[in-house]
Amino acid sequence: QVQLVESGGGSVMPGGSLRLSCTASEGAFRNYKIAWFRQAPGKKRDAVAAISWLGGHTYYRGLVRGRFTISRDNIKDTVYLQMGSLKPEDTAVYYCAADVTPSAEWLISTEEADYEFWGPGTQVTVSS
């Protein structure tokens, strides 16, 4: 069983920055692909960014590309989402999720169904 916990959420003004962290409590973290999803009120949950086991392959949703950066530290069993130039439309609950099914390192899914373990989420609010 993999337990994920997000941290770093909060309230920030437009144009500000936040760094989210996703830490795994146990398991072979370095073998997991990790994604950040977000869900705004009344909207479906969408993948925002994802990263392969070794960090050599990443995915970014178009709306955040150039503003968000995903990275990982496999020694600390932690994945980060650095968010900059935040906009009100970035307001959502952010979830990290782990894909533990073995597959090619370059193959990164953006589908919820492919991620077996989820954290409880952390709220990000961007407002003036």
C-alpha atoms as a PDB file:
ATOM      1  CA  GLN A   1       0.000   0.000   0.000  1.00  0.00           C
ATOM      2  CA  VAL A   2       1.395   3.357  -1.025  1.00  0.00           C
ATOM      3  CA  GLN A   3       0.375   6.360   0.998  1.00  0.00           C
ATOM      4  CA  LEU A   4       0.836   9.767  -0.556  1.00  0.00           C
ATOM      5  CA  VAL A   5       0.597  13.076   1.233  1.00  0.00           C
ATOM      6  CA  GLU A   6       0.536  16.490  -0.395  1.00  0.00           C
ATOM      7  CA  SER A   7       1.701  19.682   1.259  1.00  0.00           C
ATOM      8  CA  GLY A   8       2.442  23.268   0.318  1.00  0.00           C
ATOM      9  CA  GLY A   9      -0.999  24.448  -0.680  1.00  0.00           C
ATOM     10  CA  GLY A  10      -2.427  27.741   0.440  1.00  0.00           C
ATOM     11  CA  SER A  11      -3.656  31.129  -0.681  1.00  0.00           C
ATOM     12  CA  VAL A  12      -1.656  33.378  -2.955  1.00  0.00           C
ATOM     13  CA  MET A  13      -2.245  36.487  -5.014  1.00  0.00           C
ATOM     14  CA  PRO A  14      -2.297  36.382  -8.809  1.00  0.00           C
ATOM     15  CA  GLY A  15       1.214  36.294 -10.148  1.00  0.00           C
ATOM     16  CA  GLY A  16       2.511  34.574  -7.033  1.00  0.00           C
ATOM     17  CA  SER A  17       4.209  31.219  -6.582  1.00  0.00           C
ATOM     18  CA  LEU A  18       3.738  28.069  -4.547  1.00  0.00           C
ATOM     19  CA  ARG A  19       5.619  24.804  -4.336  1.00  0.00           C
ATOM     20  CA  LEU A  20       3.642  21.659  -3.693  1.00  0.00           C
ATOM     21  CA  SER A  21       5.270  18.520  -2.357  1.00  0.00           C
ATOM     22  CA  CYS A  22       4.093  14.936  -2.589  1.00  0.00           C
ATOM     23  CA  THR A  23       5.729  12.484  -0.235  1.00  0.00           C
ATOM     24  CA  ALA A  24       5.329   8.720  -0.225  1.00  0.00           C
ATOM     25  CA  SER A  25       5.294   6.910   3.091  1.00  0.00           C
ATOM     26  CA  GLU A  26       6.548   3.612   1.802  1.00  0.00           C
ATOM     27  CA  GLY A  27       7.092   1.527  -1.264  1.00  0.00           C
ATOM     28  CA  ALA A  28       9.533   1.557  -4.129  1.00  0.00           C
ATOM     29  CA  PHE A  29       8.928   5.223  -4.827  1.00  0.00           C
ATOM     30  CA  ARG A  30      11.659   5.468  -7.405  1.00  0.00           C
ATOM     31  CA  ASN A  31       9.757   2.965  -9.551  1.00  0.00           C
ATOM     32  CA  TYR A  32       6.552   4.974  -9.593  1.00  0.00           C
ATOM     33  CA  LYS A  33       5.412   7.483 -12.123  1.00  0.00           C
ATOM     34  CA  ILE A  34       3.852  10.422 -10.336  1.00  0.00           C
ATOM     35  CA  ALA A  35       1.309  12.902 -11.578  1.00  0.00           C
ATOM     36  CA  TRP A  36      -0.332  16.006 -10.228  1.00  0.00           C
ATOM     37  CA  PHE A  37      -4.041  16.367 -10.935  1.00  0.00           C
ATOM     38  CA  ARG A  38      -6.314  19.226  -9.997  1.00  0.00           C
ATOM     39  CA  GLN A  39     -10.020  19.656  -9.593  1.00  0.00           C
ATOM     40  CA  ALA A  40     -11.791  22.983  -9.456  1.00  0.00           C
ATOM     41  CA  PRO A  41     -15.331  23.258  -8.094  1.00  0.00           C
ATOM     42  CA  GLY A  42     -17.835  21.910 -10.577  1.00  0.00           C
ATOM     43  CA  LYS A  43     -15.176  20.630 -12.936  1.00  0.00           C
ATOM     44  CA  LYS A  44     -13.641  17.262 -13.600  1.00  0.00           C
ATOM     45  CA  ARG A  45     -10.216  16.308 -12.333  1.00  0.00           C
ATOM     46  CA  ASP A  46      -7.485  16.786 -14.919  1.00  0.00           C
ATOM     47  CA  ALA A  47      -3.819  15.946 -15.046  1.00  0.00           C
ATOM     48  CA  VAL A  48      -1.625  19.001 -14.684  1.00  0.00           C
ATOM     49  CA  ALA A  49       1.851  17.499 -14.818  1.00  0.00           C
ATOM     50  CA  ALA A  50       3.491  14.099 -14.602  1.00  0.00           C
ATOM     51  CA  ILE A  51       6.977  12.696 -14.319  1.00  0.00           C
ATOM     52  CA  SER A  52       8.624   9.384 -15.086  1.00  0.00           C
ATOM     53  CA  TRP A  53      10.579   7.232 -12.623  1.00  0.00           C
ATOM     54  CA  LEU A  54      13.923   8.858 -13.172  1.00  0.00           C
ATOM     55  CA  GLY A  55      12.569  12.273 -14.038  1.00  0.00           C
ATOM     56  CA  GLY A  56      13.751  12.133 -17.611  1.00  0.00           C
ATOM     57  CA  HIS A  57      10.292  12.423 -19.080  1.00  0.00           C
ATOM     58  CA  THR A  58       7.620  14.904 -18.113  1.00  0.00           C
ATOM     59  CA  TYR A  59       4.162  15.972 -19.198  1.00  0.00           C
ATOM     60  CA  TYR A  60       2.510  19.361 -18.762  1.00  0.00           C
ATOM     61  CA  ARG A  61      -1.017  20.380 -19.483  1.00  0.00           C
ATOM     62  CA  GLY A  62      -1.005  23.176 -22.023  1.00  0.00           C
ATOM     63  CA  LEU A  63      -2.555  25.682 -19.650  1.00  0.00           C
ATOM     64  CA  VAL A  64       0.363  25.394 -17.211  1.00  0.00           C
ATOM     65  CA  ARG A  65       3.292  24.763 -19.519  1.00  0.00           C
ATOM     66  CA  GLY A  66       5.991  27.333 -18.920  1.00  0.00           C
ATOM     67  CA  ARG A  67       4.559  28.270 -15.510  1.00  0.00           C
ATOM     68  CA  PHE A  68       4.707  24.971 -13.613  1.00  0.00           C
ATOM     69  CA  THR A  69       7.666  22.639 -13.175  1.00  0.00           C
ATOM     70  CA  ILE A  70       7.489  19.080 -11.911  1.00  0.00           C
ATOM     71  CA  SER A  71      10.554  17.435 -10.415  1.00  0.00           C
ATOM     72  CA  ARG A  72      11.421  14.586  -8.110  1.00  0.00           C
ATOM     73  CA  ASP A  73      13.944  13.585  -5.497  1.00  0.00           C
ATOM     74  CA  ASN A  74      14.016   9.797  -5.271  1.00  0.00           C
ATOM     75  CA  ILE A  75      16.249   9.900  -2.213  1.00  0.00           C
ATOM     76  CA  LYS A  76      13.660  11.899  -0.325  1.00  0.00           C
ATOM     77  CA  ASP A  77      10.749  10.009  -1.924  1.00  0.00           C
ATOM     78  CA  THR A  78       9.248  13.342  -2.887  1.00  0.00           C
ATOM     79  CA  VAL A  79       7.845  14.908  -6.038  1.00  0.00           C
ATOM     80  CA  TYR A  80       7.504  18.659  -6.321  1.00  0.00           C
ATOM     81  CA  LEU A  81       5.287  20.926  -8.345  1.00  0.00           C
ATOM     82  CA  GLN A  82       6.710  24.426  -8.560  1.00  0.00           C
ATOM     83  CA  MET A  83       3.937  26.762  -9.629  1.00  0.00           C
ATOM     84  CA  GLY A  84       4.617  30.284 -10.821  1.00  0.00           C
ATOM     85  CA  SER A  85       2.692  33.156 -12.403  1.00  0.00           C
ATOM     86  CA  LEU A  86      -0.399  31.778 -10.729  1.00  0.00           C
ATOM     87  CA  LYS A  87      -3.784  32.775 -12.039  1.00  0.00           C
ATOM     88  CA  PRO A  88      -7.229  32.653 -10.425  1.00  0.00           C
ATOM     89  CA  GLU A  89      -8.114  29.825 -12.794  1.00  0.00           C
ATOM     90  CA  ASP A  90      -5.392  27.724 -11.137  1.00  0.00           C
ATOM     91  CA  THR A  91      -7.555  27.615  -8.015  1.00  0.00           C
ATOM     92  CA  ALA A  92      -8.336  23.973  -7.280  1.00  0.00           C
ATOM     93  CA  VAL A  93      -7.640  21.037  -5.036  1.00  0.00           C
ATOM     94  CA  TYR A  94      -4.356  19.527  -6.182  1.00  0.00           C
ATOM     95  CA  TYR A  95      -3.784  15.790  -5.867  1.00  0.00           C
ATOM     96  CA  CYS A  96      -0.703  13.719  -6.406  1.00  0.00           C
ATOM     97  CA  ALA A  97      -1.098  10.192  -7.689  1.00  0.00           C
ATOM     98  CA  ALA A  98       1.174   7.222  -8.260  1.00  0.00           C
ATOM     99  CA  ASP A  99       1.201   4.862 -11.218  1.00  0.00           C
ATOM    100  CA  VAL A 100       2.887   1.733  -9.882  1.00  0.00           C
ATOM    101  CA  THR A 101       2.297  -0.534 -12.858  1.00  0.00           C
ATOM    102  CA  PRO A 102       5.587  -1.373 -14.566  1.00  0.00           C
ATOM    103  CA  SER A 103       5.860   0.132 -18.032  1.00  0.00           C
ATOM    104  CA  ALA A 104       8.340   1.883 -20.258  1.00  0.00           C
ATOM    105  CA  GLU A 105       9.977   4.808 -18.514  1.00  0.00           C
ATOM    106  CA  TRP A 106       8.921   7.216 -21.239  1.00  0.00           C
ATOM    107  CA  LEU A 107       5.263   6.176 -21.117  1.00  0.00           C
ATOM    108  CA  ILE A 108       3.411   8.673 -18.944  1.00  0.00           C
ATOM    109  CA  SER A 109      -0.339   8.511 -18.551  1.00  0.00           C
ATOM    110  CA  THR A 110      -2.660  11.420 -17.977  1.00  0.00           C
ATOM    111  CA  GLU A 111      -5.643   9.211 -17.250  1.00  0.00           C
ATOM    112  CA  GLU A 112      -6.972   8.980 -13.703  1.00  0.00           C
ATOM    113  CA  ALA A 113      -7.676   5.288 -14.108  1.00  0.00           C
ATOM    114  CA  ASP A 114      -3.985   4.550 -14.602  1.00  0.00           C
ATOM    115  CA  TYR A 115      -3.033   5.913 -11.196  1.00  0.00           C
ATOM    116  CA  GLU A 116      -3.596   3.429  -8.399  1.00  0.00           C
ATOM    117  CA  PHE A 117      -2.801   5.513  -5.348  1.00  0.00           C
ATOM    118  CA  TRP A 118      -3.849   9.034  -4.465  1.00  0.00           C
ATOM    119  CA  GLY A 119      -3.158  11.586  -1.815  1.00  0.00           C
ATOM    120  CA  PRO A 120      -5.983  13.401   0.004  1.00  0.00           C
ATOM    121  CA  GLY A 121      -5.335  16.657  -1.862  1.00  0.00           C
ATOM    122  CA  THR A 122      -4.244  20.163  -0.955  1.00  0.00           C
ATOM    123  CA  GLN A 123      -6.153  23.358  -1.663  1.00  0.00           C
ATOM    124  CA  VAL A 124      -4.592  26.086  -3.789  1.00  0.00           C
ATOM    125  CA  THR A 125      -6.441  29.382  -3.940  1.00  0.00           C
ATOM    126  CA  VAL A 126      -5.330  32.222  -6.182  1.00  0.00           C
ATOM    127  CA  SER A 127      -7.174  35.409  -5.423  1.00  0.00           C
ATOM    128  CA  SER A 128      -6.606  39.098  -4.956  1.00  0.00           C
END
